[in-house]
Amino acid sequence: MAYQYHKQFRLPGFDYSSNNSYFITIVTKDRKHYFGEISNDEMSFTEIGFFAEELLKNATLKLAHLKIDHFVIMPNHVHFIATIFKVDNDFKTPKNGLAPLVPCSISSFVNRFKGRLKKWCNGNNYESFEWQARFHDRIIRNDREYDLIVAYILNNIKNWRSDSEKS
């Protein structure tokens, strides 16, 4: 019997609904440029890019526990810092294996964001739009790391050419 390896995508034992700041990256399938193009260090949005920006700007209108601190929309991915803050936020021990989405967690927010954008695309003749299956997260551990990530987000468009040549 062959052993099947299941890659761990989140930090084992960490409660992703806990009060923290998280650096999130979500990428389009096959890194297609659905959100726009960068020219002369400026991002020119497509309709999909404009709607993604609207979703992130308005994310906290219905989510009192979450704040999008900073974000940037690139041609084929989105970066943002999301901070969860709840008054009575007791640590929840995550279950091993597949489990339902934890309400008010980073995963539930990303799922909601990706789903709303895909639904909008389907209803506006952009049925070919697709996301990569997962997302990348980093739990921000201190103020210095937070500041470095903010600088990365703010400079991401300017650094697009050098970053895209590396991949």
Protein backbone atom coordinates (compact mmCIF):
# COMPACT_ATOMS: atom_id res chain seq x y z
CA MET A 1 0.00 0.00 0.00
CA ALA A 2 1.47 3.33 -1.07
CA TYR A 3 1.61 6.19 1.37
CA GLN A 4 -0.23 9.24 0.15
CA TYR A 5 1.37 12.52 1.11
CA HIS A 6 -0.98 15.41 1.84
CA LYS A 7 0.76 18.77 1.79
CA GLN A 8 0.02 20.95 4.81
CA PHE A 9 -1.11 24.37 3.62
CA ARG A 10 -1.76 26.06 6.97
CA LEU A 11 0.31 26.12 10.14
CA PRO A 12 -0.66 22.99 12.08
CA GLY A 13 -2.40 23.72 15.37
CA PHE A 14 -2.85 27.44 14.67
CA ASP A 15 -6.27 29.05 15.01
CA TYR A 16 -6.76 31.13 11.86
CA SER A 17 -9.76 32.87 13.42
CA SER A 18 -7.58 34.29 16.21
CA ASN A 19 -6.83 37.98 16.64
CA ASN A 20 -3.84 38.52 14.36
CA SER A 21 -2.76 40.17 11.17
CA TYR A 22 -2.27 37.94 8.15
CA PHE A 23 -0.49 38.57 4.85
CA ILE A 24 -2.51 36.86 2.12
CA THR A 25 -1.70 36.18 -1.53
CA ILE A 26 -4.31 34.81 -3.91
CA VAL A 27 -3.29 33.90 -7.48
CA THR A 28 -5.29 33.40 -10.66
CA LYS A 29 -5.22 29.99 -12.33
CA ASP A 30 -2.19 29.60 -14.60
CA ARG A 31 -1.21 33.14 -13.54
CA LYS A 32 -3.40 34.66 -16.25
CA HIS A 33 -3.61 38.45 -16.26
CA TYR A 34 -7.31 38.81 -15.48
CA PHE A 35 -6.99 41.94 -13.33
CA GLY A 36 -5.16 44.23 -15.74
CA GLU A 37 -1.68 45.17 -16.90
CA ILE A 38 1.18 47.26 -15.54
CA SER A 39 2.78 49.93 -17.69
CA ASN A 40 5.05 52.77 -16.54
CA ASP A 41 4.68 51.61 -12.93
CA GLU A 42 0.89 52.00 -13.03
CA MET A 43 -1.77 49.33 -12.90
CA SER A 44 -4.51 49.60 -15.53
CA PHE A 45 -7.49 47.58 -14.31
CA THR A 46 -9.83 45.43 -16.33
CA GLU A 47 -13.46 45.26 -15.20
CA ILE A 48 -12.52 42.20 -13.15
CA GLY A 49 -9.69 44.15 -11.49
CA PHE A 50 -12.03 47.03 -10.66
CA PHE A 51 -14.53 44.65 -9.09
CA ALA A 52 -11.79 42.89 -7.06
CA GLU A 53 -10.70 46.31 -5.78
CA GLU A 54 -14.28 47.17 -4.85
CA LEU A 55 -14.66 43.90 -2.94
CA LEU A 56 -11.51 44.54 -0.91
CA LYS A 57 -12.38 48.19 -0.22
CA ASN A 58 -15.84 47.21 1.00
CA ALA A 59 -14.91 43.95 2.76
CA THR A 60 -15.39 45.32 6.23
CA LEU A 61 -18.87 46.78 5.66
CA LYS A 62 -20.46 43.45 6.61
CA LEU A 63 -17.59 41.95 8.59
CA ALA A 64 -17.17 43.75 11.91
CA HIS A 65 -14.42 41.32 13.01
CA LEU A 66 -12.07 41.91 10.05
CA LYS A 67 -10.18 44.84 8.58
CA ILE A 68 -8.25 44.96 5.32
CA ASP A 69 -5.31 47.15 6.27
CA HIS A 70 -3.46 47.34 2.94
CA PHE A 71 -3.85 45.67 -0.44
CA VAL A 72 -2.58 45.68 -3.99
CA ILE A 73 -4.12 44.11 -7.05
CA MET A 74 -1.58 42.91 -9.59
CA PRO A 75 -2.26 41.54 -13.11
CA ASN A 76 -2.49 37.93 -11.87
CA HIS A 77 -2.65 38.03 -8.09
CA VAL A 78 -3.83 39.95 -5.06
CA HIS A 79 -1.89 40.74 -1.88
CA PHE A 80 -3.51 42.06 1.27
CA ILE A 81 -3.10 42.32 5.00
CA ALA A 82 -6.18 41.29 6.91
CA THR A 83 -6.49 41.81 10.63
CA ILE A 84 -8.97 39.86 12.72
CA PHE A 85 -10.06 41.49 15.96
CA LYS A 86 -12.82 40.07 18.10
CA VAL A 87 -13.51 40.98 21.72
CA ASP A 88 -14.05 37.47 23.09
CA ASN A 89 -11.78 35.47 20.84
CA ASP A 90 -10.89 32.25 22.61
CA PHE A 91 -8.33 30.02 20.92
CA LYS A 92 -9.94 27.13 19.07
CA THR A 93 -7.88 24.00 18.57
CA PRO A 94 -8.11 23.15 14.87
CA LYS A 95 -9.16 19.66 13.88
CA ASN A 96 -6.79 17.48 11.90
CA GLY A 97 -7.67 16.72 8.30
CA LEU A 98 -10.48 18.28 6.35
CA ALA A 99 -12.91 20.27 8.41
CA PRO A 100 -15.63 22.78 7.63
CA LEU A 101 -14.61 26.42 7.35
CA VAL A 102 -14.31 28.10 10.72
CA PRO A 103 -16.58 31.16 10.82
CA CYS A 104 -14.75 34.50 11.03
CA SER A 105 -11.45 32.92 9.97
CA ILE A 106 -9.01 33.97 7.28
CA SER A 107 -9.99 30.92 5.23
CA SER A 108 -13.67 31.83 5.39
CA PHE A 109 -12.91 35.40 4.27
CA VAL A 110 -10.71 34.25 1.36
CA ASN A 111 -13.36 31.70 0.36
CA ARG A 112 -16.01 34.45 0.42
CA PHE A 113 -13.84 36.89 -1.56
CA LYS A 114 -12.89 34.31 -4.21
CA GLY A 115 -16.48 33.09 -4.49
CA ARG A 116 -17.99 36.56 -4.83
CA LEU A 117 -15.51 37.53 -7.54
CA LYS A 118 -16.06 34.29 -9.47
CA LYS A 119 -19.84 34.68 -9.21
CA TRP A 120 -19.59 38.26 -10.50
CA CYS A 121 -17.38 37.09 -13.38
CA ASN A 122 -19.85 34.34 -14.31
CA GLY A 123 -22.70 36.86 -14.36
CA ASN A 124 -20.76 39.39 -16.45
CA ASN A 125 -19.53 37.23 -19.35
CA TYR A 126 -16.13 36.39 -17.81
CA GLU A 127 -16.85 32.69 -17.29
CA SER A 128 -13.22 31.81 -18.14
CA PHE A 129 -11.97 33.51 -14.95
CA GLU A 130 -10.51 31.04 -12.47
CA TRP A 131 -8.50 31.12 -9.26
CA GLN A 132 -5.74 28.78 -8.18
CA ALA A 133 -7.22 26.28 -5.78
CA ARG A 134 -5.59 27.59 -2.60
CA PHE A 135 -4.00 30.74 -1.21
CA HIS A 136 -0.77 31.63 0.55
CA ASP A 137 -0.78 33.06 4.07
CA ARG A 138 1.75 34.38 6.50
CA ILE A 139 0.89 35.10 10.10
CA ILE A 140 2.44 38.50 10.85
CA ARG A 141 4.41 38.09 14.05
CA ASN A 142 5.47 41.63 15.02
CA ASP A 143 5.42 45.32 14.06
CA ARG A 144 8.69 45.15 12.11
CA GLU A 145 7.42 42.31 9.95
CA TYR A 146 4.12 44.16 9.47
CA ASP A 147 5.98 47.28 8.28
CA LEU A 148 8.13 45.25 5.86
CA ILE A 149 5.02 43.65 4.35
CA VAL A 150 3.30 47.04 4.01
CA ALA A 151 6.38 48.33 2.14
CA TYR A 152 6.31 45.23 -0.08
CA ILE A 153 2.63 45.82 -0.91
CA LEU A 154 3.16 49.54 -1.57
CA ASN A 155 6.12 48.83 -3.90
CA ASN A 156 4.68 45.76 -5.61
CA ILE A 157 3.55 47.51 -8.79
CA LYS A 158 6.87 49.34 -9.13
CA ASN A 159 8.74 46.03 -8.71
CA TRP A 160 6.52 44.09 -11.14
CA ARG A 161 9.04 43.92 -13.99
CA SER A 162 11.89 42.57 -11.85
CA ASP A 163 9.57 40.17 -9.95
CA SER A 164 7.96 38.79 -13.13
CA GLU A 165 11.36 38.22 -14.76
CA LYS A 166 12.34 35.94 -11.84
CA SER A 167 9.37 33.58 -12.27
